[in-house]
Amino acid sequence: MTTLMTVKELQMKIAEAESAKASLALKHQQAEEREKAELLDRLSKPSGKTDDEVMEKASIIINRAVENGLMSVQVFRFPHTLCSDNGRAINQGEQGWEKTLTGIPKEIFEFWGRQLQPRGYHIRYEIIDYPGGMPGDVGIVLSWG
């Protein structure tokens, strides 16, 4: 014979299920925050790659873009928080914006200046999304022609 739970028992069961859901959501949020912190940490440090290694990757990306008839390609995307001013100077197009770069985004700019600019390539850093109306990620676009 099946017993019908009391309302109080049902409420307890619902509360336990809600608590389990909240606990799982918190664990997911904490894992996400850890991953984001690790990514920011990794991007804020030098990559350790040589110019030859970077040139090889750049060549692959550029050649693939050209084969698809493109005159530019986004080569990197990073959180605005990697800029010393949170991307404000890039967003405003201010002169000297490149001085706000840190980590790998700065490395890419310096590599472009040493290796790609003399070959006629152009580079553009731009805010590419605005979550909640605020500047979000920065895209690095390499162009030619």
N, C-alpha and C. Protein backbone atom coordinates (compact mmCIF):
# COMPACT_ATOMS: atom_id res chain seq x y z
N MET A 1 0.85 -1.18 0.00
CA MET A 1 0.00 0.00 0.00
C MET A 1 0.89 1.25 0.00
N THR A 2 0.57 2.19 -0.85
CA THR A 2 1.32 3.42 -0.97
C THR A 2 0.83 4.42 0.07
N THR A 3 1.80 5.06 0.70
CA THR A 3 1.44 6.08 1.68
C THR A 3 1.59 7.45 1.05
N LEU A 4 0.65 8.27 1.32
CA LEU A 4 0.68 9.65 0.83
C LEU A 4 1.45 10.50 1.84
N MET A 5 2.43 11.25 1.33
CA MET A 5 3.22 12.11 2.22
C MET A 5 2.35 13.26 2.72
N THR A 6 2.73 13.73 3.87
CA THR A 6 2.04 14.91 4.39
C THR A 6 2.56 16.13 3.66
N VAL A 7 1.85 17.21 3.76
CA VAL A 7 2.28 18.46 3.12
C VAL A 7 3.64 18.87 3.67
N LYS A 8 3.84 18.70 4.96
CA LYS A 8 5.12 19.06 5.57
C LYS A 8 6.26 18.22 4.98
N GLU A 9 6.01 16.92 4.78
CA GLU A 9 7.01 16.03 4.18
C GLU A 9 7.31 16.45 2.74
N LEU A 10 6.26 16.81 2.00
CA LEU A 10 6.45 17.29 0.62
C LEU A 10 7.28 18.57 0.60
N GLN A 11 6.99 19.47 1.50
CA GLN A 11 7.73 20.73 1.56
C GLN A 11 9.20 20.48 1.89
N MET A 12 9.46 19.52 2.78
CA MET A 12 10.84 19.17 3.13
C MET A 12 11.56 18.58 1.91
N LYS A 13 10.87 17.71 1.18
CA LYS A 13 11.46 17.08 -0.01
C LYS A 13 11.79 18.14 -1.07
N ILE A 14 10.86 19.08 -1.28
CA ILE A 14 11.07 20.17 -2.24
C ILE A 14 12.25 21.04 -1.80
N ALA A 15 12.31 21.35 -0.52
CA ALA A 15 13.41 22.19 0.01
C ALA A 15 14.75 21.49 -0.18
N GLU A 16 14.79 20.18 0.04
CA GLU A 16 16.03 19.43 -0.16
C GLU A 16 16.46 19.45 -1.63
N ALA A 17 15.49 19.28 -2.54
CA ALA A 17 15.79 19.31 -3.98
C ALA A 17 16.30 20.68 -4.39
N GLU A 18 15.65 21.75 -3.90
CA GLU A 18 16.08 23.12 -4.21
C GLU A 18 17.49 23.37 -3.67
N SER A 19 17.76 22.88 -2.50
CA SER A 19 19.08 23.04 -1.89
C SER A 19 20.15 22.33 -2.71
N ALA A 20 19.84 21.13 -3.19
CA ALA A 20 20.78 20.38 -4.01
C ALA A 20 21.06 21.12 -5.32
N LYS A 21 19.99 21.68 -5.93
CA LYS A 21 20.14 22.46 -7.17
C LYS A 21 21.04 23.68 -6.94
N ALA A 22 20.78 24.39 -5.86
CA ALA A 22 21.56 25.60 -5.55
C ALA A 22 23.01 25.24 -5.30
N SER A 23 23.24 24.14 -4.61
CA SER A 23 24.61 23.71 -4.33
C SER A 23 25.35 23.36 -5.62
N LEU A 24 24.67 22.67 -6.53
CA LEU A 24 25.28 22.31 -7.81
C LEU A 24 25.57 23.57 -8.64
N ALA A 25 24.63 24.50 -8.65
CA ALA A 25 24.83 25.76 -9.40
C ALA A 25 26.02 26.52 -8.85
N LEU A 26 26.16 26.55 -7.53
CA LEU A 26 27.29 27.24 -6.90
C LEU A 26 28.60 26.57 -7.29
N LYS A 27 28.65 25.25 -7.31
CA LYS A 27 29.86 24.52 -7.70
C LYS A 27 30.24 24.85 -9.14
N HIS A 28 29.24 24.89 -10.03
CA HIS A 28 29.50 25.23 -11.44
C HIS A 28 30.03 26.66 -11.56
N GLN A 29 29.43 27.58 -10.82
CA GLN A 29 29.87 28.98 -10.86
C GLN A 29 31.31 29.11 -10.36
N GLN A 30 31.63 28.42 -9.28
CA GLN A 30 32.99 28.47 -8.73
C GLN A 30 33.99 27.88 -9.71
N ALA A 31 33.62 26.79 -10.38
CA ALA A 31 34.51 26.17 -11.38
C ALA A 31 34.73 27.13 -12.54
N GLU A 32 33.67 27.80 -12.98
CA GLU A 32 33.77 28.77 -14.06
C GLU A 32 34.70 29.92 -13.68
N GLU A 33 34.54 30.42 -12.47
CA GLU A 33 35.38 31.53 -12.00
C GLU A 33 36.85 31.10 -11.90
N ARG A 34 37.09 29.86 -11.45
CA ARG A 34 38.46 29.34 -11.39
C ARG A 34 39.07 29.26 -12.79
N GLU A 35 38.29 28.73 -13.74
CA GLU A 35 38.77 28.62 -15.13
C GLU A 35 39.08 30.00 -15.71
N LYS A 36 38.22 30.97 -15.44
CA LYS A 36 38.43 32.32 -15.95
C LYS A 36 39.69 32.94 -15.34
N ALA A 37 39.88 32.74 -14.04
CA ALA A 37 41.07 33.26 -13.36
C ALA A 37 42.33 32.61 -13.93
N GLU A 38 42.27 31.31 -14.19
CA GLU A 38 43.43 30.61 -14.77
C GLU A 38 43.73 31.13 -16.17
N LEU A 39 42.67 31.36 -16.96
CA LEU A 39 42.85 31.89 -18.31
C LEU A 39 43.49 33.28 -18.25
N LEU A 40 42.97 34.16 -17.40
CA LEU A 40 43.53 35.51 -17.28
C LEU A 40 44.99 35.44 -16.83
N ASP A 41 45.29 34.55 -15.92
CA ASP A 41 46.66 34.39 -15.45
C ASP A 41 47.56 33.95 -16.59
N ARG A 42 47.10 32.96 -17.36
CA ARG A 42 47.90 32.45 -18.48
C ARG A 42 48.10 33.52 -19.55
N LEU A 43 47.05 34.30 -19.85
CA LEU A 43 47.14 35.33 -20.89
C LEU A 43 47.95 36.54 -20.45
N SER A 44 48.06 36.74 -19.15
CA SER A 44 48.78 37.92 -18.66
C SER A 44 50.29 37.69 -18.59
N LYS A 45 50.72 36.46 -18.83
CA LYS A 45 52.15 36.12 -18.80
C LYS A 45 52.68 35.92 -20.21
N PRO A 46 53.98 36.07 -20.39
CA PRO A 46 54.55 35.82 -21.72
C PRO A 46 54.27 34.39 -22.18
N SER A 47 54.07 34.23 -23.49
CA SER A 47 53.74 32.91 -24.04
C SER A 47 54.95 31.99 -24.08
N GLY A 48 56.15 32.59 -24.18
CA GLY A 48 57.36 31.77 -24.28
C GLY A 48 57.63 31.31 -25.71
N LYS A 49 56.83 31.73 -26.67
CA LYS A 49 57.01 31.33 -28.07
C LYS A 49 58.03 32.24 -28.75
N THR A 50 58.81 31.64 -29.63
CA THR A 50 59.80 32.40 -30.40
C THR A 50 59.10 33.07 -31.58
N ASP A 51 59.76 34.06 -32.18
CA ASP A 51 59.21 34.70 -33.37
C ASP A 51 58.97 33.68 -34.48
N ASP A 52 59.87 32.71 -34.61
CA ASP A 52 59.70 31.69 -35.66
C ASP A 52 58.43 30.87 -35.42
N GLU A 53 58.16 30.50 -34.17
CA GLU A 53 56.95 29.73 -33.86
C GLU A 53 55.69 30.56 -34.14
N VAL A 54 55.73 31.82 -33.75
CA VAL A 54 54.57 32.69 -33.97
C VAL A 54 54.39 32.93 -35.47
N MET A 55 55.50 33.12 -36.19
CA MET A 55 55.43 33.35 -37.63
C MET A 55 54.81 32.15 -38.35
N GLU A 56 55.14 30.95 -37.89
CA GLU A 56 54.57 29.75 -38.50
C GLU A 56 53.05 29.72 -38.30
N LYS A 57 52.60 30.02 -37.08
CA LYS A 57 51.15 30.06 -36.82
C LYS A 57 50.48 31.16 -37.63
N ALA A 58 51.11 32.34 -37.66
CA ALA A 58 50.54 33.46 -38.41
C ALA A 58 50.41 33.11 -39.89
N SER A 59 51.42 32.45 -40.42
CA SER A 59 51.41 32.06 -41.83
C SER A 59 50.24 31.13 -42.13
N ILE A 60 49.99 30.17 -41.26
CA ILE A 60 48.87 29.24 -41.45
C ILE A 60 47.55 29.99 -41.44
N ILE A 61 47.37 30.88 -40.45
CA ILE A 61 46.12 31.64 -40.32
C ILE A 61 45.91 32.55 -41.53
N ILE A 62 46.95 33.26 -41.92
CA ILE A 62 46.85 34.20 -43.05
C ILE A 62 46.57 33.45 -44.34
N ASN A 63 47.30 32.37 -44.59
CA ASN A 63 47.09 31.60 -45.82
C ASN A 63 45.67 31.03 -45.90
N ARG A 64 45.15 30.55 -44.80
CA ARG A 64 43.78 30.02 -44.77
C ARG A 64 42.79 31.14 -45.09
N ALA A 65 43.01 32.32 -44.53
CA ALA A 65 42.12 33.46 -44.80
C ALA A 65 42.17 33.85 -46.27
N VAL A 66 43.37 33.90 -46.83
CA VAL A 66 43.54 34.28 -48.25
C VAL A 66 42.85 33.25 -49.15
N GLU A 67 43.00 31.97 -48.81
CA GLU A 67 42.33 30.91 -49.60
C GLU A 67 40.82 31.08 -49.58
N ASN A 68 40.29 31.68 -48.53
CA ASN A 68 38.85 31.94 -48.43
C ASN A 68 38.46 33.32 -48.95
N GLY A 69 39.40 34.00 -49.60
CA GLY A 69 39.11 35.29 -50.22
C GLY A 69 39.03 36.45 -49.25
N LEU A 70 39.57 36.31 -48.07
CA LEU A 70 39.49 37.37 -47.07
C LEU A 70 40.68 38.31 -47.14
N MET A 71 40.46 39.55 -46.72
CA MET A 71 41.52 40.54 -46.68
C MET A 71 41.93 40.86 -45.24
N SER A 72 41.27 40.19 -44.28
CA SER A 72 41.60 40.37 -42.87
C SER A 72 41.12 39.15 -42.11
N VAL A 73 41.67 38.99 -40.91
CA VAL A 73 41.28 37.86 -40.08
C VAL A 73 41.48 38.22 -38.61
N GLN A 74 40.52 37.80 -37.76
CA GLN A 74 40.70 37.98 -36.32
C GLN A 74 41.67 36.90 -35.87
N VAL A 75 42.79 37.32 -35.29
CA VAL A 75 43.82 36.36 -34.90
C VAL A 75 43.82 36.04 -33.42
N PHE A 76 43.13 36.85 -32.62
CA PHE A 76 43.12 36.62 -31.17
C PHE A 76 41.96 37.38 -30.57
N ARG A 77 41.49 36.87 -29.43
CA ARG A 77 40.42 37.51 -28.68
C ARG A 77 40.78 37.38 -27.21
N PHE A 78 40.60 38.47 -26.46
CA PHE A 78 40.96 38.42 -25.05
C PHE A 78 40.06 39.34 -24.23
N PRO A 79 39.95 39.05 -22.93
CA PRO A 79 39.11 39.89 -22.06
C PRO A 79 39.69 41.30 -21.91
N HIS A 80 38.81 42.29 -21.88
CA HIS A 80 39.26 43.69 -21.77
C HIS A 80 40.05 43.94 -20.48
N THR A 81 39.89 43.07 -19.49
CA THR A 81 40.58 43.26 -18.21
C THR A 81 42.09 43.06 -18.34
N LEU A 82 42.56 42.54 -19.49
CA LEU A 82 44.00 42.42 -19.70
C LEU A 82 44.63 43.75 -20.09
N CYS A 83 43.82 44.76 -20.34
CA CYS A 83 44.34 46.11 -20.61
C CYS A 83 44.42 46.84 -19.27
N SER A 84 45.46 47.63 -19.11
CA SER A 84 45.64 48.33 -17.83
C SER A 84 44.50 49.31 -17.53
N ASP A 85 43.74 49.70 -18.57
CA ASP A 85 42.61 50.61 -18.36
C ASP A 85 41.27 49.94 -18.69
N ASN A 86 41.26 48.61 -18.69
CA ASN A 86 40.06 47.83 -19.01
C ASN A 86 39.52 48.09 -20.41
N GLY A 87 40.39 48.45 -21.34
CA GLY A 87 39.99 48.62 -22.74
C GLY A 87 39.46 49.99 -23.09
N ARG A 88 39.49 50.94 -22.17
CA ARG A 88 38.94 52.28 -22.42
C ARG A 88 39.63 52.97 -23.60
N ALA A 89 40.96 52.96 -23.62
CA ALA A 89 41.69 53.66 -24.69
C ALA A 89 41.43 53.01 -26.05
N ILE A 90 41.34 51.69 -26.08
CA ILE A 90 41.03 51.00 -27.34
C ILE A 90 39.64 51.40 -27.79
N ASN A 91 38.68 51.38 -26.88
CA ASN A 91 37.30 51.72 -27.19
C ASN A 91 37.18 53.15 -27.70
N GLN A 92 37.97 54.06 -27.15
CA GLN A 92 37.92 55.47 -27.55
C GLN A 92 38.83 55.79 -28.73
N GLY A 93 39.65 54.81 -29.15
CA GLY A 93 40.58 55.05 -30.26
C GLY A 93 41.64 56.08 -29.92
N GLU A 94 42.04 56.11 -28.66
CA GLU A 94 43.02 57.11 -28.22
C GLU A 94 44.42 56.77 -28.69
N GLN A 95 45.17 57.81 -28.98
CA GLN A 95 46.56 57.64 -29.33
C GLN A 95 47.29 57.05 -28.12
N GLY A 96 48.16 56.09 -28.35
CA GLY A 96 48.90 55.47 -27.27
C GLY A 96 48.17 54.31 -26.60
N TRP A 97 47.04 53.88 -27.18
CA TRP A 97 46.25 52.77 -26.61
C TRP A 97 47.09 51.52 -26.41
N GLU A 98 48.10 51.33 -27.29
CA GLU A 98 48.92 50.11 -27.22
C GLU A 98 49.72 50.02 -25.92
N LYS A 99 49.91 51.17 -25.26
CA LYS A 99 50.64 51.16 -23.98
C LYS A 99 49.82 50.53 -22.86
N THR A 100 48.51 50.34 -23.08
CA THR A 100 47.65 49.72 -22.07
C THR A 100 47.66 48.20 -22.15
N LEU A 101 48.28 47.64 -23.18
CA LEU A 101 48.29 46.19 -23.37
C LEU A 101 49.23 45.51 -22.39
N THR A 102 48.86 44.30 -21.99
CA THR A 102 49.71 43.48 -21.13
C THR A 102 49.74 42.06 -21.68
N GLY A 103 50.64 41.25 -21.17
CA GLY A 103 50.67 39.83 -21.48
C GLY A 103 50.74 39.51 -22.96
N ILE A 104 50.01 38.47 -23.34
CA ILE A 104 50.03 37.99 -24.73
C ILE A 104 49.52 39.03 -25.72
N PRO A 105 48.45 39.80 -25.41
CA PRO A 105 48.04 40.84 -26.36
C PRO A 105 49.16 41.83 -26.66
N LYS A 106 49.97 42.17 -25.66
CA LYS A 106 51.11 43.06 -25.87
C LYS A 106 52.17 42.36 -26.73
N GLU A 107 52.39 41.07 -26.44
CA GLU A 107 53.34 40.29 -27.23
C GLU A 107 52.96 40.27 -28.71
N ILE A 108 51.66 40.10 -28.98
CA ILE A 108 51.18 40.07 -30.37
C ILE A 108 51.45 41.41 -31.04
N PHE A 109 51.17 42.50 -30.33
CA PHE A 109 51.41 43.83 -30.90
C PHE A 109 52.90 44.03 -31.21
N GLU A 110 53.73 43.63 -30.28
CA GLU A 110 55.19 43.77 -30.49
C GLU A 110 55.68 42.89 -31.63
N PHE A 111 55.14 41.67 -31.73
CA PHE A 111 55.50 40.78 -32.84
C PHE A 111 55.11 41.42 -34.17
N TRP A 112 53.89 41.97 -34.22
CA TRP A 112 53.44 42.65 -35.44
C TRP A 112 54.42 43.77 -35.80
N GLY A 113 54.82 44.57 -34.83
CA GLY A 113 55.74 45.68 -35.09
C GLY A 113 57.09 45.22 -35.61
N ARG A 114 57.58 44.10 -35.08
CA ARG A 114 58.89 43.57 -35.51
C ARG A 114 58.82 42.82 -36.84
N GLN A 115 57.81 42.00 -37.00
CA GLN A 115 57.80 41.06 -38.12
C GLN A 115 56.77 41.33 -39.22
N LEU A 116 55.60 41.78 -38.85
CA LEU A 116 54.52 41.90 -39.85
C LEU A 116 54.34 43.30 -40.41
N GLN A 117 54.48 44.32 -39.59
CA GLN A 117 54.33 45.69 -40.09
C GLN A 117 55.34 45.98 -41.21
N PRO A 118 56.61 45.58 -41.06
CA PRO A 118 57.56 45.82 -42.16
C PRO A 118 57.17 45.11 -43.46
N ARG A 119 56.33 44.09 -43.36
CA ARG A 119 55.87 43.35 -44.55
C ARG A 119 54.56 43.92 -45.10
N GLY A 120 54.07 45.02 -44.50
CA GLY A 120 52.88 45.69 -45.00
C GLY A 120 51.57 45.30 -44.34
N TYR A 121 51.61 44.49 -43.30
CA TYR A 121 50.38 44.09 -42.61
C TYR A 121 49.93 45.19 -41.65
N HIS A 122 48.62 45.26 -41.45
CA HIS A 122 48.02 46.22 -40.52
C HIS A 122 47.42 45.43 -39.36
N ILE A 123 47.34 46.08 -38.20
CA ILE A 123 46.73 45.44 -37.04
C ILE A 123 45.73 46.39 -36.42
N ARG A 124 44.63 45.83 -35.90
CA ARG A 124 43.60 46.65 -35.26
C ARG A 124 43.12 45.90 -34.02
N TYR A 125 43.06 46.61 -32.92
CA TYR A 125 42.50 46.09 -31.68
C TYR A 125 41.16 46.80 -31.50
N GLU A 126 40.10 46.03 -31.27
CA GLU A 126 38.78 46.66 -31.13
C GLU A 126 37.92 45.87 -30.15
N ILE A 127 37.08 46.60 -29.44
CA ILE A 127 36.12 45.96 -28.56
C ILE A 127 35.10 45.28 -29.47
N ILE A 128 34.87 43.97 -29.25
CA ILE A 128 34.00 43.25 -30.17
C ILE A 128 32.66 42.83 -29.57
N ASP A 129 32.49 43.05 -28.28
CA ASP A 129 31.17 42.82 -27.70
C ASP A 129 30.99 43.73 -26.49
N TYR A 130 29.73 43.93 -26.16
CA TYR A 130 29.36 44.85 -25.07
C TYR A 130 28.33 44.19 -24.16
N PRO A 131 28.74 43.23 -23.35
CA PRO A 131 27.77 42.59 -22.46
C PRO A 131 27.25 43.59 -21.42
N GLY A 132 25.95 43.67 -21.31
CA GLY A 132 25.35 44.60 -20.36
C GLY A 132 25.66 46.05 -20.68
N GLY A 133 26.02 46.34 -21.95
CA GLY A 133 26.33 47.70 -22.36
C GLY A 133 27.74 48.16 -22.02
N MET A 134 28.52 47.27 -21.41
CA MET A 134 29.89 47.61 -21.03
C MET A 134 30.87 46.92 -21.97
N PRO A 135 32.06 47.51 -22.19
CA PRO A 135 33.05 46.85 -23.05
C PRO A 135 33.36 45.45 -22.56
N GLY A 136 33.43 44.53 -23.53
CA GLY A 136 33.72 43.13 -23.21
C GLY A 136 35.06 42.72 -23.79
N ASP A 137 35.04 41.70 -24.63
CA ASP A 137 36.28 41.18 -25.19
C ASP A 137 36.85 42.11 -26.26
N VAL A 138 38.16 42.00 -26.43
CA VAL A 138 38.89 42.74 -27.44
C VAL A 138 39.31 41.76 -28.52
N GLY A 139 39.09 42.11 -29.77
CA GLY A 139 39.53 41.29 -30.88
C GLY A 139 40.74 41.93 -31.52
N ILE A 140 41.68 41.09 -31.96
CA ILE A 140 42.86 41.56 -32.68
C ILE A 140 42.69 41.12 -34.12
N VAL A 141 42.63 42.08 -35.03
CA VAL A 141 42.40 41.81 -36.43
C VAL A 141 43.65 42.17 -37.22
N LEU A 142 44.12 41.23 -38.00
CA LEU A 142 45.25 41.44 -38.89
C LEU A 142 44.71 41.59 -40.30
N SER A 143 45.19 42.60 -41.04
CA SER A 143 44.68 42.82 -42.40
C SER A 143 45.84 43.11 -43.35
N TRP A 144 45.53 43.00 -44.64
CA TRP A 144 46.51 43.22 -45.69
C TRP A 144 45.76 43.77 -46.90
N GLY A 145 46.47 44.41 -47.78
CA GLY A 145 45.85 44.89 -49.01
C GLY A 145 45.21 46.25 -48.92
